[in-house]
Amino acid sequence: MALHSNLSDTICALATPAGVGGLGVIRVSGPDAFSIADQVFKASTSLSEMSSHTISYGMVHDRGLAIDEAMATVLRAPRSFTTEDTVEFSCHGSPYILGEVLRVLCAAGARPATAGEFTLRAFLHGRLDLTQAEAVADLIAADSAAAHQLALGQLRGGIATRISALRTQLVDFAALVELELDFVEEDVEFADRAKLQALVVEIRHEIAGLMTSFRLGNALRNGVPTVIAGRPNAGKSTLLNAWLQEERAIVSEIPGTTRDTIEEVLHLGGIAFRLIDTAGIREATDAIERIGVERTYEKIRESTLLVYVFDLMTTTPDMLAADLQQLQRPGLVIFPVGNKIDLDPDGARRALFAALSVYWLSAARPHAALPGEGLSILSDALVASVLQEPVQPGQAVLSNLRHYEALRTADAALADVASGLEDLRSGELVSLDIRRVLEALGQISGEVTNDELLGSIFGRFCIGK
């Protein structure tokens, strides 16, 4: 993404999704927003004369030729999203009309905005810090209640507030340590090494807590990858269909029906689970099925949760234990699901698995209400595995990989600071390590930035935001 550093430009873009709709909103922002808008919008009062946060009805035109009836909202600096003078046109949602409005705005002196440029300007003008700017994109992309609340908390400055507090404490000590360098011949010590050591321990503890929350935050933000696997004909596709309440996957008694993965999103307890139905695990009988089985193992390696479905009537406890041991890896939570319990009315087969923690399901009646069986029991267990410690209101939860990597860098530098203090290294070396910490923490909030970083972040935004 090429960053436009010239904030004297006035930019415009469609702020609503492309396509036909009842309304389309076009945003114009910059120092000449009102004069440009007045050239293409005819109303009883010019927009330049209107008060902030007022709306006018008029006609968008091209040199007197009407294009559309529209409502124009006036937002005067600094009381706008970008903190610049802004006009938002609410037009009819015809792609042709919206394209024409953008054309005449550009002819009048505006230029098309680049991806994320409105939010970039809000950041550059101090309206948002970098974590809040990223939260704007997360809020737009949120597809679950949990992701929405996570983004909203970050937009309100949850992570930035914690990081800023840590950084401020360290800045004070860094200033004292560097001050000592000016008096090195006098052997003067301004910074209390013991207090600095204690502060380093405290900050590392805070960072560790935030880094620990990343697993939960990342899951809430991006959805939890959940693989449904098992041997052929165990009922994997039946389970997927029951969860989605539609015939999404083909169900057949013929082994190997599912040759490729099928992915769908299921919302449970406000959390998005990315369900992945896979090919049955067995010795493949042909090249295509072999590829399907390989993809099953690949998806299991990439997943967080594994729902392992087995046929109660053809599987023994030893077979199940062997299968689970083969698939187990660090960080993977496995839910063994015994299927077809409708064929075991007296529970004799289920009794064989008493030593194992198994969830029970009937392909014939997946929503059965008998104790210990049915989809609701399994669904609750999936949610509980993600929310091992429920998120408290106002709790800072890390959900951004960039933030996680910056904290990891800061923690490594803090370890060097602690080591330097213990080894009585010179103030100059300790100061350099402290600067590394401050730089890493500053990259999170945007106090330390460069064009490459900003381009990477804002290039992922939609054009009108």
Protein backbone atom coordinates (compact mmCIF):
# COMPACT_ATOMS: atom_id res chain seq x y z
CA MET A 1 0.00 0.00 0.00
CA ALA A 2 1.34 3.41 -0.97
CA LEU A 3 0.79 5.81 1.89
CA HIS A 4 -0.40 9.31 1.03
CA SER A 5 1.41 11.56 3.48
CA ASN A 6 -0.06 14.74 1.98
CA LEU A 7 -2.95 15.51 4.32
CA SER A 8 -3.82 18.59 2.29
CA ASP A 9 -5.59 16.31 -0.21
CA THR A 10 -9.36 15.94 0.01
CA ILE A 11 -10.38 12.31 -0.46
CA CYS A 12 -13.65 10.57 -1.32
CA ALA A 13 -14.92 6.99 -1.40
CA LEU A 14 -18.01 4.82 -1.14
CA ALA A 15 -18.45 3.99 2.56
CA THR A 16 -21.14 1.33 2.08
CA PRO A 17 -20.70 -2.07 0.39
CA ALA A 18 -20.59 -2.20 -3.39
CA GLY A 19 -23.69 -3.49 -5.14
CA VAL A 20 -27.34 -2.55 -5.49
CA GLY A 21 -29.04 -1.31 -2.33
CA GLY A 22 -31.59 1.13 -1.04
CA LEU A 23 -28.93 3.65 -0.08
CA GLY A 24 -25.24 4.24 -0.68
CA VAL A 25 -23.11 6.59 1.42
CA ILE A 26 -20.20 8.49 -0.08
CA ARG A 27 -17.73 10.11 2.31
CA VAL A 28 -15.68 13.22 1.46
CA SER A 29 -12.96 14.30 3.91
CA GLY A 30 -10.23 16.91 3.86
CA PRO A 31 -9.56 20.65 3.99
CA ASP A 32 -11.58 21.37 0.82
CA ALA A 33 -14.47 19.00 1.57
CA PHE A 34 -17.11 21.75 1.80
CA SER A 35 -16.02 23.77 -1.24
CA ILE A 36 -15.78 20.61 -3.38
CA ALA A 37 -19.14 19.34 -2.15
CA ASP A 38 -20.78 22.69 -2.85
CA GLN A 39 -19.67 22.47 -6.49
CA VAL A 40 -21.68 19.29 -7.05
CA PHE A 41 -24.54 19.66 -4.54
CA LYS A 42 -27.36 22.17 -4.92
CA ALA A 43 -29.52 22.93 -1.87
CA SER A 44 -31.30 25.90 -0.27
CA THR A 45 -28.17 26.61 1.82
CA SER A 46 -24.57 25.92 0.82
CA LEU A 47 -22.83 23.24 2.84
CA SER A 48 -20.02 25.67 3.69
CA GLU A 49 -22.51 27.79 5.64
CA MET A 50 -24.12 24.95 7.59
CA SER A 51 -23.39 24.08 11.21
CA SER A 52 -21.64 20.86 12.15
CA HIS A 53 -23.74 17.73 12.50
CA THR A 54 -26.61 19.03 10.37
CA ILE A 55 -28.24 17.50 7.31
CA SER A 56 -29.41 19.12 4.09
CA TYR A 57 -31.61 17.82 1.27
CA GLY A 58 -30.58 18.68 -2.28
CA MET A 59 -29.53 17.51 -5.71
CA VAL A 60 -26.17 16.12 -6.82
CA HIS A 61 -25.47 17.43 -10.31
CA ASP A 62 -22.84 17.58 -13.03
CA ARG A 63 -22.71 21.16 -14.32
CA GLY A 64 -26.41 21.55 -13.80
CA LEU A 65 -27.42 18.08 -15.04
CA ALA A 66 -29.14 16.22 -12.20
CA ILE A 67 -27.58 12.94 -11.06
CA ASP A 68 -29.51 12.09 -7.88
CA GLU A 69 -31.54 13.43 -4.99
CA ALA A 70 -29.47 13.08 -1.84
CA MET A 71 -29.04 14.02 1.80
CA ALA A 72 -25.75 15.66 2.77
CA THR A 73 -24.44 15.47 6.35
CA VAL A 74 -21.98 18.16 7.44
CA LEU A 75 -19.31 17.30 10.03
CA ARG A 76 -16.93 20.13 10.85
CA ALA A 77 -13.38 19.60 12.07
CA PRO A 78 -12.42 18.32 14.56
CA ARG A 79 -15.79 16.71 15.29
CA SER A 80 -15.56 14.00 12.65
CA PHE A 81 -14.04 10.54 12.38
CA THR A 82 -10.94 11.85 10.59
CA THR A 83 -10.99 15.12 12.61
CA GLU A 84 -11.16 16.87 9.21
CA ASP A 85 -14.04 18.70 7.54
CA THR A 86 -16.28 15.93 6.24
CA VAL A 87 -19.40 15.61 4.09
CA GLU A 88 -21.32 12.36 3.76
CA PHE A 89 -23.78 12.00 0.87
CA SER A 90 -26.64 9.53 1.28
CA CYS A 91 -27.65 8.66 -2.27
CA HIS A 92 -29.82 6.00 -3.89
CA GLY A 93 -27.92 2.71 -3.99
CA SER A 94 -27.55 2.31 -7.75
CA PRO A 95 -23.92 1.44 -8.63
CA TYR A 96 -24.23 3.73 -11.65
CA ILE A 97 -25.44 6.68 -9.56
CA LEU A 98 -22.75 6.17 -6.93
CA GLY A 99 -20.09 5.94 -9.61
CA GLU A 100 -21.30 9.18 -11.16
CA VAL A 101 -21.27 10.99 -7.81
CA LEU A 102 -17.69 9.87 -7.19
CA ARG A 103 -16.74 10.96 -10.70
CA VAL A 104 -18.04 14.52 -10.29
CA LEU A 105 -16.45 14.81 -6.84
CA CYS A 106 -13.07 13.89 -8.32
CA ALA A 107 -13.63 16.30 -11.21
CA ALA A 108 -14.29 19.02 -8.61
CA GLY A 109 -10.95 18.42 -6.87
CA ALA A 110 -11.17 15.37 -4.65
CA ARG A 111 -9.18 12.20 -5.23
CA PRO A 112 -10.20 8.57 -4.60
CA ALA A 113 -9.24 7.35 -1.12
CA THR A 114 -6.90 4.40 -0.79
CA ALA A 115 -7.71 1.38 1.38
CA GLY A 116 -8.10 2.41 5.00
CA GLU A 117 -7.15 6.03 4.35
CA PHE A 118 -9.98 7.56 6.38
CA THR A 119 -8.92 5.53 9.42
CA LEU A 120 -5.26 6.28 8.67
CA ARG A 121 -6.05 9.99 8.84
CA ALA A 122 -7.89 9.49 12.11
CA PHE A 123 -4.71 7.86 13.45
CA LEU A 124 -2.34 10.49 12.05
CA HIS A 125 -4.47 13.26 13.55
CA GLY A 126 -4.48 11.60 16.99
CA ARG A 127 -8.15 10.64 16.90
CA LEU A 128 -7.23 6.97 17.40
CA ASP A 129 -4.13 5.11 18.48
CA LEU A 130 -2.95 2.22 16.33
CA THR A 131 -4.71 -0.49 18.37
CA GLN A 132 -8.00 1.41 18.08
CA ALA A 133 -7.50 1.84 14.34
CA GLU A 134 -7.01 -1.92 13.99
CA ALA A 135 -10.10 -2.45 16.12
CA VAL A 136 -12.14 -0.55 13.52
CA ALA A 137 -11.29 -3.22 10.94
CA ASP A 138 -11.99 -5.98 13.48
CA LEU A 139 -15.35 -4.43 14.33
CA ILE A 140 -16.35 -4.38 10.66
CA ALA A 141 -15.23 -7.99 10.21
CA ALA A 142 -16.78 -9.29 13.47
CA ASP A 143 -19.06 -12.25 12.71
CA SER A 144 -19.90 -13.31 16.25
CA ALA A 145 -20.96 -11.71 19.52
CA ALA A 146 -17.62 -12.54 21.12
CA ALA A 147 -15.60 -11.03 18.25
CA HIS A 148 -17.81 -7.94 18.37
CA GLN A 149 -17.27 -7.41 22.10
CA LEU A 150 -13.53 -8.02 21.74
CA ALA A 151 -13.20 -5.41 18.97
CA LEU A 152 -15.40 -2.96 20.86
CA GLY A 153 -13.21 -3.27 23.96
CA GLN A 154 -10.09 -2.60 21.89
CA LEU A 155 -11.77 0.36 20.16
CA ARG A 156 -12.34 1.83 23.61
CA GLY A 157 -8.63 1.59 24.27
CA GLY A 158 -8.43 -1.52 26.46
CA ILE A 159 -5.09 -2.88 25.20
CA ALA A 160 -3.57 0.55 24.53
CA THR A 161 -4.31 1.72 28.07
CA ARG A 162 -2.47 -1.26 29.57
CA ILE A 163 0.50 -0.91 27.22
CA SER A 164 0.73 2.85 27.71
CA ALA A 165 0.80 2.47 31.49
CA LEU A 166 3.66 -0.05 31.28
CA ARG A 167 5.59 2.10 28.83
CA THR A 168 5.22 5.29 30.89
CA GLN A 169 6.73 3.66 33.96
CA LEU A 170 9.69 2.43 31.97
CA VAL A 171 10.22 5.78 30.20
CA ASP A 172 10.77 7.48 33.56
CA PHE A 173 13.50 5.01 34.49
CA ALA A 174 15.06 5.18 31.02
CA ALA A 175 15.38 8.96 31.39
CA LEU A 176 17.20 8.56 34.71
CA VAL A 177 19.53 5.87 33.37
CA GLU A 178 20.43 8.00 30.35
CA LEU A 179 20.92 11.04 32.57
CA GLU A 180 23.60 9.11 34.40
CA LEU A 181 25.54 8.81 31.14
CA ASP A 182 26.11 12.59 31.22
CA PHE A 183 27.75 12.25 34.63
CA VAL A 184 29.69 9.06 34.05
CA GLU A 185 32.97 10.59 35.29
CA GLU A 186 31.33 11.69 38.55
CA ASP A 187 29.99 8.13 39.11
CA VAL A 188 26.52 9.50 39.96
CA GLU A 189 23.55 7.11 40.15
CA PHE A 190 20.11 8.63 39.59
CA ALA A 191 18.12 5.44 38.90
CA ASP A 192 17.52 3.07 41.78
CA ARG A 193 18.62 -0.29 40.34
CA ALA A 194 16.57 -2.27 42.85
CA LYS A 195 13.39 -0.39 41.93
CA LEU A 196 14.11 -0.82 38.23
CA GLN A 197 14.60 -4.55 38.75
CA ALA A 198 11.26 -4.74 40.56
CA LEU A 199 9.59 -2.77 37.76
CA VAL A 200 11.00 -5.15 35.15
CA VAL A 201 9.54 -8.11 37.05
CA GLU A 202 6.16 -6.35 37.30
CA ILE A 203 6.07 -5.46 33.61
CA ARG A 204 7.07 -8.97 32.55
CA HIS A 205 4.25 -10.33 34.71
CA GLU A 206 1.77 -7.99 32.98
CA ILE A 207 3.08 -8.95 29.56
CA ALA A 208 2.86 -12.66 30.41
CA GLY A 209 -0.81 -12.22 31.31
CA LEU A 210 -1.57 -10.46 28.04
CA MET A 211 0.32 -13.06 26.01
CA THR A 212 -1.55 -15.86 27.78
CA SER A 213 -4.84 -14.25 26.78
CA PHE A 214 -3.85 -14.37 23.11
CA ARG A 215 -5.06 -17.95 22.61
CA LEU A 216 -8.55 -16.97 23.72
CA GLY A 217 -8.50 -13.61 21.97
CA ASN A 218 -7.32 -15.08 18.68
CA ALA A 219 -10.05 -17.73 18.85
CA LEU A 220 -12.76 -15.17 19.58
CA ARG A 221 -11.55 -12.88 16.82
CA ASN A 222 -10.96 -15.39 14.02
CA GLY A 223 -13.21 -18.27 15.01
CA VAL A 224 -12.15 -21.60 16.47
CA PRO A 225 -10.93 -24.14 13.86
CA THR A 226 -12.79 -27.33 14.76
CA VAL A 227 -12.19 -30.51 12.78
CA ILE A 228 -14.76 -33.31 12.64
CA ALA A 229 -12.81 -36.51 11.98
CA GLY A 230 -13.14 -40.26 12.38
CA ARG A 231 -13.20 -43.50 10.46
CA PRO A 232 -15.47 -43.89 7.41
CA ASN A 233 -19.21 -44.18 8.10
CA ALA A 234 -18.84 -43.03 11.70
CA GLY A 235 -21.37 -40.25 11.18
CA LYS A 236 -19.16 -37.19 10.70
CA SER A 237 -21.26 -35.63 7.95
CA THR A 238 -24.45 -36.48 9.85
CA LEU A 239 -23.09 -34.54 12.83
CA LEU A 240 -22.21 -31.56 10.62
CA ASN A 241 -25.70 -31.54 9.09
CA ALA A 242 -27.32 -31.80 12.52
CA TRP A 243 -25.30 -28.84 13.81
CA LEU A 244 -26.12 -26.71 10.77
CA GLN A 245 -29.72 -27.98 10.61
CA GLU A 246 -29.42 -28.49 6.86
CA GLU A 247 -28.21 -31.17 4.47
CA ARG A 248 -24.82 -29.53 3.89
CA ALA A 249 -22.83 -32.76 3.43
CA ILE A 250 -23.76 -35.90 1.52
CA VAL A 251 -24.61 -38.77 3.86
CA SER A 252 -24.26 -42.31 2.53
CA GLU A 253 -23.62 -45.82 3.80
CA ILE A 254 -20.87 -46.14 1.18
CA PRO A 255 -17.46 -45.67 2.85
CA GLY A 256 -15.32 -42.82 1.51
CA THR A 257 -18.23 -40.62 0.40
CA THR A 258 -16.50 -37.49 1.72
CA ARG A 259 -13.38 -37.02 -0.42
CA ASP A 260 -12.57 -33.38 0.39
CA THR A 261 -13.03 -31.08 3.35
CA ILE A 262 -16.27 -29.14 3.86
CA GLU A 263 -16.07 -25.97 5.93
CA GLU A 264 -18.91 -24.03 7.57
CA VAL A 265 -19.21 -21.56 10.45
CA LEU A 266 -21.36 -22.42 13.47
CA HIS A 267 -22.15 -19.91 16.22
CA LEU A 268 -22.40 -21.36 19.70
CA GLY A 269 -22.56 -19.23 22.84
CA GLY A 270 -21.57 -16.14 20.88
CA ILE A 271 -18.40 -17.85 19.55
CA ALA A 272 -17.76 -18.69 15.91
CA PHE A 273 -16.61 -22.29 15.38
CA ARG A 274 -15.16 -23.00 11.94
CA LEU A 275 -16.36 -26.57 11.46
CA ILE A 276 -14.34 -28.70 9.04
CA ASP A 277 -15.86 -32.03 7.95
CA THR A 278 -13.15 -34.35 6.67
CA ALA A 279 -12.64 -37.56 4.76
CA GLY A 280 -12.74 -40.78 6.78
CA ILE A 281 -9.40 -41.91 8.19
CA ARG A 282 -8.44 -45.29 6.72
CA GLU A 283 -6.14 -46.89 4.16
CA ALA A 284 -7.22 -45.16 0.95
CA THR A 285 -8.43 -47.31 -1.93
CA ASP A 286 -7.59 -44.82 -4.70
CA ALA A 287 -5.48 -41.71 -5.35
CA ILE A 288 -8.35 -39.23 -4.83
CA GLU A 289 -9.32 -40.71 -1.48
CA ARG A 290 -5.64 -40.72 -0.47
CA ILE A 291 -5.49 -36.97 -1.06
CA GLY A 292 -8.65 -36.55 1.03
CA VAL A 293 -7.15 -38.50 3.94
CA GLU A 294 -3.94 -36.47 3.73
CA ARG A 295 -5.99 -33.29 3.91
CA THR A 296 -7.76 -34.64 6.98
CA TYR A 297 -4.45 -35.00 8.81
CA GLU A 298 -3.38 -31.55 7.60
CA LYS A 299 -6.56 -29.94 8.96
CA ILE A 300 -6.14 -31.74 12.28
CA ARG A 301 -2.60 -30.34 12.58
CA GLU A 302 -3.96 -26.83 11.98
CA SER A 303 -6.97 -27.10 14.29
CA THR A 304 -7.57 -26.18 17.92
CA LEU A 305 -10.43 -28.59 18.60
CA LEU A 306 -11.01 -32.09 17.25
CA VAL A 307 -14.40 -33.76 17.39
CA TYR A 308 -13.55 -37.43 16.83
CA VAL A 309 -16.65 -39.40 15.84
CA PHE A 310 -16.68 -43.19 16.15
CA ASP A 311 -19.27 -45.86 15.47
CA LEU A 312 -20.29 -47.30 18.84
CA MET A 313 -21.29 -50.63 17.34
CA THR A 314 -18.03 -51.34 15.44
CA THR A 315 -15.43 -49.68 17.65
CA THR A 316 -13.80 -51.12 20.76
CA PRO A 317 -12.31 -49.06 23.60
CA ASP A 318 -8.82 -50.19 22.56
CA MET A 319 -9.42 -49.07 18.98
CA LEU A 320 -10.66 -45.68 20.18
CA ALA A 321 -7.73 -45.21 22.56
CA ALA A 322 -5.27 -46.07 19.78
CA ASP A 323 -6.91 -43.64 17.36
CA LEU A 324 -6.89 -40.81 19.91
CA GLN A 325 -3.27 -41.45 20.86
CA GLN A 326 -2.26 -41.29 17.20
CA LEU A 327 -4.01 -37.93 16.70
CA GLN A 328 -3.11 -36.25 20.00
CA ARG A 329 -0.64 -33.35 19.89
CA PRO A 330 0.15 -30.42 22.22
CA GLY A 331 -2.53 -27.73 22.19
CA LEU A 332 -5.21 -29.91 20.60
CA VAL A 333 -8.37 -30.60 22.61
CA ILE A 334 -10.13 -33.83 21.53
CA PHE A 335 -13.81 -34.62 22.07
CA PRO A 336 -14.53 -38.33 21.49
CA VAL A 337 -18.12 -38.69 20.24
CA GLY A 338 -19.76 -42.10 20.21
CA ASN A 339 -22.42 -42.22 17.50
CA LYS A 340 -25.38 -44.54 16.74
CA ILE A 341 -26.39 -45.13 20.34
CA ASP A 342 -29.94 -45.74 19.09
CA LEU A 343 -28.58 -49.20 18.13
CA ASP A 344 -27.57 -49.79 21.75
CA PRO A 345 -30.90 -49.46 23.62
CA ASP A 346 -29.75 -51.29 26.77
CA GLY A 347 -26.46 -49.34 26.99
CA ALA A 348 -24.33 -52.48 27.01
CA ARG A 349 -21.91 -51.18 24.38
CA ARG A 350 -21.66 -47.78 26.06
CA ALA A 351 -20.74 -49.43 29.33
CA LEU A 352 -17.53 -50.70 27.71
CA PHE A 353 -16.35 -47.09 27.38
CA ALA A 354 -17.01 -46.11 30.98
CA ALA A 355 -13.33 -45.41 31.61
CA LEU A 356 -13.19 -42.88 28.76
CA SER A 357 -14.76 -39.40 28.66
CA VAL A 358 -17.10 -39.87 25.71
CA TYR A 359 -19.96 -37.72 24.41
CA TRP A 360 -22.89 -39.71 23.06
CA LEU A 361 -24.93 -39.02 19.97
CA SER A 362 -27.59 -40.77 17.95
CA ALA A 363 -27.63 -40.27 14.19
CA ALA A 364 -31.30 -41.13 14.29
CA ARG A 365 -32.11 -38.53 16.99
CA PRO A 366 -29.23 -36.03 17.36
CA HIS A 367 -31.27 -33.71 19.57
CA ALA A 368 -32.21 -36.42 22.07
CA ALA A 369 -32.86 -35.16 25.58
CA LEU A 370 -31.67 -38.21 27.49
CA PRO A 371 -29.03 -37.41 30.15
CA GLY A 372 -25.49 -37.31 28.78
CA GLU A 373 -26.36 -37.44 25.12
CA GLY A 374 -27.31 -35.12 22.28
CA LEU A 375 -25.87 -32.13 20.51
CA SER A 376 -26.52 -29.67 23.32
CA ILE A 377 -24.14 -31.52 25.68
CA LEU A 378 -21.41 -31.58 23.05
CA SER A 379 -22.03 -27.96 22.04
CA ASP A 380 -21.79 -26.75 25.64
CA ALA A 381 -18.52 -28.64 26.05
CA LEU A 382 -17.02 -26.93 22.98
CA VAL A 383 -17.93 -23.48 24.30
CA ALA A 384 -16.60 -24.30 27.77
CA SER A 385 -13.27 -25.45 26.31
CA VAL A 386 -12.78 -22.04 24.71
CA LEU A 387 -14.06 -20.01 27.63
CA GLN A 388 -12.14 -21.81 30.35
CA GLU A 389 -12.03 -18.46 32.14
CA PRO A 390 -14.95 -16.24 31.06
CA VAL A 391 -13.99 -12.80 29.80
CA GLN A 392 -14.84 -10.17 32.39
CA PRO A 393 -16.20 -6.72 31.42
CA GLY A 394 -13.29 -4.36 30.82
CA GLN A 395 -10.75 -7.21 30.75
CA ALA A 396 -7.91 -6.66 28.26
CA VAL A 397 -7.69 -9.66 25.94
CA LEU A 398 -5.00 -9.83 23.27
CA SER A 399 -6.37 -10.86 19.87
CA ASN A 400 -3.91 -9.41 17.34
CA LEU A 401 -0.87 -11.39 16.21
CA ARG A 402 1.11 -8.18 15.60
CA HIS A 403 0.54 -7.16 19.22
CA TYR A 404 1.55 -10.63 20.43
CA GLU A 405 4.82 -10.57 18.47
CA ALA A 406 5.62 -7.05 19.73
CA LEU A 407 5.03 -8.16 23.33
CA ARG A 408 7.25 -11.18 22.81
CA THR A 409 10.02 -8.88 21.53
CA ALA A 410 9.51 -6.55 24.49
CA ASP A 411 9.67 -9.46 26.93
CA ALA A 412 12.94 -10.71 25.44
CA ALA A 413 14.42 -7.21 25.77
CA LEU A 414 13.17 -6.98 29.36
CA ALA A 415 14.93 -10.25 30.12
CA ASP A 416 18.14 -8.63 28.85
CA VAL A 417 17.48 -5.59 31.07
CA ALA A 418 17.08 -7.86 34.09
CA SER A 419 20.22 -9.78 33.19
CA GLY A 420 22.15 -6.53 32.75
CA LEU A 421 21.08 -5.28 36.16
CA GLU A 422 22.09 -8.55 37.81
CA ASP A 423 25.49 -8.56 36.05
CA LEU A 424 26.05 -4.87 36.90
CA ARG A 425 26.48 -3.93 33.24
CA SER A 426 27.12 -0.32 32.33
CA GLY A 427 24.24 2.12 32.21
CA GLU A 428 24.81 2.54 28.48
CA LEU A 429 24.11 -1.15 27.77
CA VAL A 430 21.10 -1.22 30.11
CA SER A 431 19.79 1.91 28.42
CA LEU A 432 20.02 0.28 24.98
CA ASP A 433 17.98 -2.72 26.18
CA ILE A 434 15.37 -0.42 27.73
CA ARG A 435 15.10 1.43 24.40
CA ARG A 436 14.39 -1.92 22.68
CA VAL A 437 11.54 -2.51 25.13
CA LEU A 438 10.11 0.96 24.58
CA GLU A 439 10.29 0.58 20.82
CA ALA A 440 8.47 -2.77 20.86
CA LEU A 441 5.73 -1.47 23.17
CA GLY A 442 5.47 1.73 21.14
CA GLN A 443 4.83 -0.23 17.95
CA ILE A 444 1.64 -1.63 19.47
CA SER A 445 0.01 1.73 20.17
CA GLY A 446 1.59 3.56 17.25
CA GLU A 447 3.97 5.73 19.25
CA VAL A 448 6.69 4.13 17.11
CA THR A 449 5.72 3.64 13.44
CA ASN A 450 7.06 3.52 9.91
CA ASP A 451 5.45 3.53 6.46
CA GLU A 452 5.90 -0.23 6.05
CA LEU A 453 4.05 -0.96 9.29
CA LEU A 454 1.23 1.49 8.52
CA GLY A 455 0.95 0.22 4.96
CA SER A 456 0.62 -3.36 6.18
CA ILE A 457 -2.09 -2.47 8.70
CA PHE A 458 -4.25 -0.05 6.72
CA GLY A 459 -3.84 -1.90 3.42
CA ARG A 460 -6.16 -4.60 4.82
CA PHE A 461 -9.01 -2.11 5.30
CA CYS A 462 -11.85 -1.59 2.85
CA ILE A 463 -11.58 1.51 0.62
CA GLY A 464 -14.36 3.50 2.30
CA LYS A 465 -12.96 3.09 5.82
